[in-house]
Amino acid sequence: MNTAFPLTKSGKTTEMLLAAESALFIKEYEKNYSAGESKHPDIGMPFFLHSPKSDAGILLIHGMMAAPEEVREWANFLHEKGLTIYAPRLSGHGTSSKDLSVRNYNEWLDSVDRGHAILKTCCKKILVAGFSTGAGLALQSVILKPNDFEAVIAISAPLRFKSFSSRFAETLNGFNLFCNYFGMGNLAREFMKNDADNPHINYLRCPVSAFVQVKKLMKKVSRSLPDIFIPALVIQAKNDPKVAPESGPAIFKLLGTDKKHFSWIDYNMHGIVRGEIGIEVFKEVESFFVAYSLVNPAK
């Protein structure tokens, strides 16, 4: 066995932990596979990009209804700068929307925690970054474990949604639970159409229950943002059609740290971490690192 990485307190190496995550994904993929909906397993597989000469690692979290592939371009950009990257797969993702419909945000946080444990085996400093719901999970991870991270990056965090239907997600979810409990599942409307920015990655239908979980998560996050005192970068697209653009400034204002930066991205889509617009976002992240002397990338 390769012993280039140190052992954890439990005696497990980085390779062991990575193998466990891969095995978990394959198991859940096979169990929840849905023909015509499930993507190729390469899309959902968590991935690790190691830079042995750097002591800094970045935990990079994808959004709801997406998969690790969503943040691969971002990960590649950071890895090329000499940083170690781990992109976890959130529970219920990369498999099927039915799988996601029975998950909750605490399970997503568990996925993030396991990712942190992997980076901890090989990195002295760990930063956490996320897109959309992944940004909310990044913020909540810092709130729960303030001493575990050097900095946090939140891109398009869904503090508030733009769609009118989002206001009634809890009511619809309650109706669905009522229908299923009393044997009237045919009346339930458990999924909504998802106009995906990356249909080769995203689910094309959103479980109402998952939408409710995101709102619960962000409600907890918003209450504790003043407790975040590490360096923070908040990025928001000006014309985001899914997340209300005022979410970014609201999060930025509530953050307790004085080492914070906010950037607007002039774009009219929610997905801003892939393609040409992604490069603009990644440059903002790089400038943030430099401004606060956060990392010392390997050359």
Protein backbone atom coordinates (compact mmCIF):
# COMPACT_ATOMS: atom_id res chain seq x y z
CA MET A 1 0.00 0.00 0.00
CA ASN A 2 1.18 3.53 -0.78
CA THR A 3 2.14 5.18 2.53
CA ALA A 4 3.07 8.59 1.11
CA PHE A 5 0.22 10.12 3.13
CA PRO A 6 0.16 10.22 6.94
CA LEU A 7 -2.25 8.08 8.92
CA THR A 8 -5.34 9.56 10.55
CA LYS A 9 -6.02 8.99 14.24
CA SER A 10 -8.09 5.99 13.20
CA GLY A 11 -5.13 4.60 11.29
CA LYS A 12 -6.63 5.27 7.86
CA THR A 13 -4.68 6.78 4.98
CA THR A 14 -5.89 9.25 2.38
CA GLU A 15 -6.17 6.38 -0.10
CA MET A 16 -8.39 4.40 2.26
CA LEU A 17 -10.74 7.31 2.81
CA LEU A 18 -10.89 8.09 -0.91
CA ALA A 19 -11.60 4.46 -1.72
CA ALA A 20 -14.43 4.39 0.82
CA GLU A 21 -16.07 7.44 -0.77
CA SER A 22 -15.77 5.95 -4.25
CA ALA A 23 -17.23 2.65 -3.06
CA LEU A 24 -20.12 4.44 -1.35
CA PHE A 25 -20.94 6.29 -4.55
CA ILE A 26 -20.87 3.15 -6.69
CA LYS A 27 -23.10 1.35 -4.18
CA GLU A 28 -25.65 4.18 -4.12
CA TYR A 29 -25.46 4.68 -7.88
CA GLU A 30 -26.27 1.03 -8.54
CA LYS A 31 -29.06 1.03 -5.96
CA ASN A 32 -30.72 4.21 -7.25
CA TYR A 33 -29.94 4.05 -10.96
CA SER A 34 -32.79 5.41 -13.09
CA ALA A 35 -32.67 4.79 -16.83
CA GLY A 36 -32.93 8.03 -18.78
CA GLU A 37 -32.13 10.14 -15.71
CA SER A 38 -28.93 8.90 -14.07
CA LYS A 39 -25.79 10.29 -15.69
CA HIS A 40 -22.60 8.41 -16.40
CA PRO A 41 -20.90 7.55 -13.08
CA ASP A 42 -17.92 9.77 -14.01
CA ILE A 43 -20.22 12.76 -13.44
CA GLY A 44 -21.05 11.84 -9.85
CA MET A 45 -17.74 10.37 -8.73
CA PRO A 46 -16.00 12.49 -6.05
CA PHE A 47 -12.48 13.45 -7.06
CA PHE A 48 -9.14 14.34 -5.50
CA LEU A 49 -6.35 16.43 -7.07
CA HIS A 50 -3.19 16.27 -5.01
CA SER A 51 -0.34 18.81 -4.96
CA PRO A 52 2.32 17.23 -2.73
CA LYS A 53 4.44 20.38 -2.49
CA SER A 54 1.61 22.54 -1.08
CA ASP A 55 0.34 22.49 2.50
CA ALA A 56 -3.03 24.01 1.50
CA GLY A 57 -6.16 22.13 0.50
CA ILE A 58 -9.53 23.34 -0.75
CA LEU A 59 -12.79 21.52 -0.10
CA LEU A 60 -14.90 22.31 -3.17
CA ILE A 61 -18.65 21.69 -2.86
CA HIS A 62 -21.11 21.38 -5.75
CA GLY A 63 -24.72 22.57 -5.76
CA MET A 64 -28.10 20.87 -5.38
CA MET A 65 -29.19 18.53 -8.19
CA ALA A 66 -25.62 18.64 -9.49
CA ALA A 67 -22.53 16.49 -8.88
CA PRO A 68 -18.76 16.88 -8.40
CA GLU A 69 -18.34 17.35 -12.16
CA GLU A 70 -20.02 20.75 -11.78
CA VAL A 71 -16.93 22.14 -10.02
CA ARG A 72 -14.27 20.29 -12.04
CA GLU A 73 -13.20 23.34 -14.08
CA TRP A 74 -12.86 25.33 -10.87
CA ALA A 75 -10.91 22.49 -9.30
CA ASN A 76 -8.57 22.26 -12.29
CA PHE A 77 -7.89 26.00 -12.14
CA LEU A 78 -6.98 25.82 -8.45
CA HIS A 79 -4.94 22.66 -8.89
CA GLU A 80 -2.93 24.31 -11.65
CA LYS A 81 -2.02 26.96 -9.07
CA GLY A 82 -0.46 24.20 -6.99
CA LEU A 83 -3.26 23.52 -4.50
CA THR A 84 -4.72 20.19 -3.36
CA ILE A 85 -8.44 19.87 -4.11
CA TYR A 86 -11.15 17.49 -2.97
CA ALA A 87 -14.65 17.66 -4.44
CA PRO A 88 -17.04 15.55 -2.35
CA ARG A 89 -20.29 14.10 -3.65
CA LEU A 90 -23.23 15.28 -1.61
CA SER A 91 -25.55 12.52 -0.45
CA GLY A 92 -28.36 11.87 -2.95
CA HIS A 93 -26.45 13.43 -5.84
CA GLY A 94 -24.95 11.84 -8.94
CA THR A 95 -27.53 9.05 -8.67
CA SER A 96 -31.20 9.97 -9.21
CA SER A 97 -33.70 12.60 -8.14
CA LYS A 98 -35.63 9.88 -6.29
CA ASP A 99 -32.55 9.26 -4.16
CA LEU A 100 -32.23 12.98 -3.48
CA SER A 101 -35.90 13.19 -2.45
CA VAL A 102 -35.26 11.16 0.73
CA ARG A 103 -32.11 13.02 1.83
CA ASN A 104 -31.70 15.97 4.19
CA TYR A 105 -29.16 18.74 4.63
CA ASN A 106 -27.52 17.02 7.61
CA GLU A 107 -26.60 14.15 5.30
CA TRP A 108 -25.09 16.69 2.90
CA LEU A 109 -23.07 18.15 5.78
CA ASP A 110 -21.87 14.64 6.63
CA SER A 111 -20.59 14.33 3.05
CA VAL A 112 -18.69 17.59 3.50
CA ASP A 113 -17.28 16.43 6.85
CA ARG A 114 -15.89 13.28 5.26
CA GLY A 115 -14.29 15.42 2.59
CA HIS A 116 -12.67 17.55 5.26
CA ALA A 117 -11.31 14.40 6.90
CA ILE A 118 -9.68 13.40 3.60
CA LEU A 119 -7.94 16.75 3.15
CA LYS A 120 -6.85 16.74 6.78
CA THR A 121 -4.68 13.69 6.11
CA CYS A 122 -2.46 15.63 3.72
CA CYS A 123 -2.99 19.38 4.25
CA LYS A 124 -2.10 21.67 7.14
CA LYS A 125 -4.45 24.45 5.98
CA ILE A 126 -7.93 23.82 4.60
CA LEU A 127 -10.23 26.32 2.89
CA VAL A 128 -13.85 25.56 2.07
CA ALA A 129 -15.64 26.80 -1.04
CA GLY A 130 -18.96 26.07 -2.64
CA PHE A 131 -21.40 26.99 -5.36
CA SER A 132 -25.13 27.51 -4.81
CA THR A 133 -26.33 25.05 -2.14
CA GLY A 134 -22.68 24.02 -1.86
CA ALA A 135 -21.95 27.61 -0.79
CA GLY A 136 -24.59 27.34 1.92
CA LEU A 137 -23.00 24.11 3.12
CA ALA A 138 -19.57 25.75 3.10
CA LEU A 139 -20.86 28.58 5.31
CA GLN A 140 -22.63 26.17 7.66
CA SER A 141 -19.50 24.02 7.93
CA VAL A 142 -17.55 27.06 9.11
CA ILE A 143 -20.31 27.98 11.54
CA LEU A 144 -20.29 24.48 13.05
CA LYS A 145 -16.50 24.05 13.05
CA PRO A 146 -14.94 27.53 13.06
CA ASN A 147 -11.43 26.27 13.83
CA ASP A 148 -11.27 23.80 10.94
CA PHE A 149 -11.01 26.26 8.06
CA GLU A 150 -8.70 29.11 7.03
CA ALA A 151 -11.26 30.86 4.80
CA VAL A 152 -14.65 30.40 3.13
CA ILE A 153 -15.83 31.16 -0.41
CA ALA A 154 -19.56 31.34 -1.13
CA ILE A 155 -20.69 31.66 -4.74
CA SER A 156 -24.41 32.16 -5.48
CA ALA A 157 -25.52 30.98 -2.05
CA PRO A 158 -29.35 30.68 -2.07
CA LEU A 159 -30.25 32.86 0.88
CA ARG A 160 -33.34 33.90 -1.06
CA PHE A 161 -34.88 32.37 -4.15
CA LYS A 162 -36.31 34.23 -7.10
CA SER A 163 -39.08 31.87 -8.19
CA PHE A 164 -42.62 32.49 -7.00
CA SER A 165 -43.17 28.75 -6.48
CA SER A 166 -40.33 28.59 -3.93
CA ARG A 167 -42.51 30.42 -1.43
CA PHE A 168 -44.91 27.48 -1.34
CA ALA A 169 -42.38 24.64 -1.21
CA GLU A 170 -43.10 23.85 2.45
CA THR A 171 -46.85 23.85 1.88
CA LEU A 172 -46.55 21.58 -1.16
CA ASN A 173 -44.20 19.26 0.69
CA GLY A 174 -46.66 19.02 3.56
CA PHE A 175 -49.45 18.21 1.09
CA ASN A 176 -47.29 15.49 -0.48
CA LEU A 177 -46.60 13.92 2.92
CA PHE A 178 -50.32 13.99 3.71
CA CYS A 179 -51.20 12.32 0.42
CA ASN A 180 -48.59 9.60 0.81
CA TYR A 181 -49.57 8.91 4.43
CA PHE A 182 -53.21 8.42 3.54
CA GLY A 183 -52.58 6.35 0.41
CA MET A 184 -53.30 9.12 -2.07
CA GLY A 185 -49.84 9.27 -3.62
CA ASN A 186 -51.37 9.76 -7.06
CA LEU A 187 -52.37 13.29 -5.97
CA ALA A 188 -48.92 14.23 -4.72
CA ARG A 189 -46.60 16.47 -6.71
CA GLU A 190 -43.22 15.46 -5.38
CA PHE A 191 -41.06 16.86 -8.18
CA MET A 192 -40.76 20.15 -10.04
CA LYS A 193 -39.14 20.75 -13.41
CA ASN A 194 -35.54 21.94 -13.22
CA ASP A 195 -34.36 24.21 -16.02
CA ALA A 196 -30.78 23.01 -15.74
CA ASP A 197 -27.81 25.13 -16.80
CA ASN A 198 -25.82 21.91 -17.28
CA PRO A 199 -28.29 19.17 -18.26
CA HIS A 200 -25.44 16.68 -18.76
CA ILE A 201 -24.71 17.08 -15.02
CA ASN A 202 -27.90 18.25 -13.29
CA TYR A 203 -31.09 16.37 -12.54
CA LEU A 204 -33.90 17.64 -14.74
CA ARG A 205 -36.44 17.46 -11.96
CA CYS A 206 -36.16 18.82 -8.44
CA PRO A 207 -37.63 17.02 -5.43
CA VAL A 208 -39.86 19.42 -3.51
CA SER A 209 -38.50 17.91 -0.30
CA ALA A 210 -34.92 18.78 -1.31
CA PHE A 211 -35.95 22.36 -2.00
CA VAL A 212 -37.39 22.51 1.51
CA GLN A 213 -34.11 21.17 2.92
CA VAL A 214 -32.14 23.93 1.20
CA LYS A 215 -34.44 26.56 2.69
CA LYS A 216 -34.02 25.02 6.16
CA LEU A 217 -30.25 25.02 5.73
CA MET A 218 -30.11 28.64 4.64
CA LYS A 219 -32.36 29.74 7.49
CA LYS A 220 -29.85 28.26 9.94
CA VAL A 221 -26.95 29.80 8.05
CA SER A 222 -28.47 33.28 8.02
CA ARG A 223 -28.90 33.28 11.80
CA SER A 224 -25.24 32.49 12.42
CA LEU A 225 -23.42 34.46 9.72
CA PRO A 226 -22.31 37.04 12.33
CA ASP A 227 -20.35 34.21 13.99
CA ILE A 228 -18.06 33.77 10.99
CA PHE A 229 -14.75 35.54 11.61
CA ILE A 230 -12.40 33.94 9.11
CA PRO A 231 -11.67 35.59 5.71
CA ALA A 232 -14.67 35.29 3.42
CA LEU A 233 -15.37 35.87 -0.26
CA VAL A 234 -18.94 36.24 -1.51
CA ILE A 235 -19.71 36.22 -5.24
CA GLN A 236 -23.10 36.72 -6.87
CA ALA A 237 -24.33 37.01 -10.47
CA LYS A 238 -26.20 40.28 -11.06
CA ASN A 239 -29.02 38.70 -13.06
CA ASP A 240 -29.22 35.26 -11.50
CA PRO A 241 -32.63 33.82 -12.56
CA LYS A 242 -32.78 31.30 -9.69
CA VAL A 243 -31.16 32.85 -6.62
CA ALA A 244 -32.33 36.36 -5.79
CA PRO A 245 -29.30 38.60 -6.54
CA GLU A 246 -29.74 40.44 -3.23
CA SER A 247 -28.71 37.19 -1.51
CA GLY A 248 -25.02 37.95 -2.04
CA PRO A 249 -24.98 41.43 -0.49
CA ALA A 250 -27.20 40.24 2.37
CA ILE A 251 -24.79 37.43 3.24
CA PHE A 252 -21.81 39.76 2.94
CA LYS A 253 -23.38 42.32 5.27
CA LEU A 254 -24.19 39.74 7.94
CA LEU A 255 -20.73 38.14 8.05
CA GLY A 256 -18.94 38.89 11.31
CA THR A 257 -15.46 39.04 9.81
CA ASP A 258 -13.84 42.28 8.72
CA LYS A 259 -11.68 40.31 6.29
CA LYS A 260 -14.31 39.93 3.63
CA HIS A 261 -14.79 40.78 -0.02
CA PHE A 262 -17.83 40.90 -2.29
CA SER A 263 -17.86 40.64 -6.09
CA TRP A 264 -20.66 41.05 -8.59
CA ILE A 265 -20.49 38.95 -11.76
CA ASP A 266 -22.31 40.50 -14.71
CA TYR A 267 -24.16 37.43 -15.96
CA ASN A 268 -27.73 36.27 -16.53
CA MET A 269 -27.47 32.60 -15.58
CA HIS A 270 -27.21 30.85 -12.22
CA GLY A 271 -24.33 28.60 -13.20
CA ILE A 272 -21.18 30.72 -13.11
CA VAL A 273 -18.48 28.16 -12.30
CA ARG A 274 -18.14 26.66 -15.76
CA GLY A 275 -17.27 27.98 -19.19
CA GLU A 276 -15.94 31.43 -20.05
CA ILE A 277 -17.77 33.16 -17.18
CA GLY A 278 -16.16 30.65 -14.82
CA ILE A 279 -12.71 32.02 -15.62
CA GLU A 280 -13.84 35.46 -14.43
CA VAL A 281 -15.10 33.91 -11.20
CA PHE A 282 -11.92 31.91 -10.66
CA LYS A 283 -9.80 35.05 -11.08
CA GLU A 284 -11.82 36.70 -8.31
CA VAL A 285 -11.05 33.71 -6.09
CA GLU A 286 -7.36 33.95 -6.92
CA SER A 287 -7.34 37.70 -6.10
CA PHE A 288 -8.98 36.91 -2.76
CA PHE A 289 -6.21 34.45 -1.93
CA VAL A 290 -3.58 37.06 -2.71
CA ALA A 291 -5.34 39.87 -0.83
CA TYR A 292 -5.39 37.93 2.43
CA SER A 293 -2.21 35.88 1.91
CA LEU A 294 -4.25 32.72 2.38
CA VAL A 295 -2.24 30.15 0.51
CA ASN A 296 1.30 29.59 -0.64
CA PRO A 297 0.78 27.56 -3.82
CA ALA A 298 3.51 25.25 -5.01
CA LYS A 299 5.35 26.64 -8.01
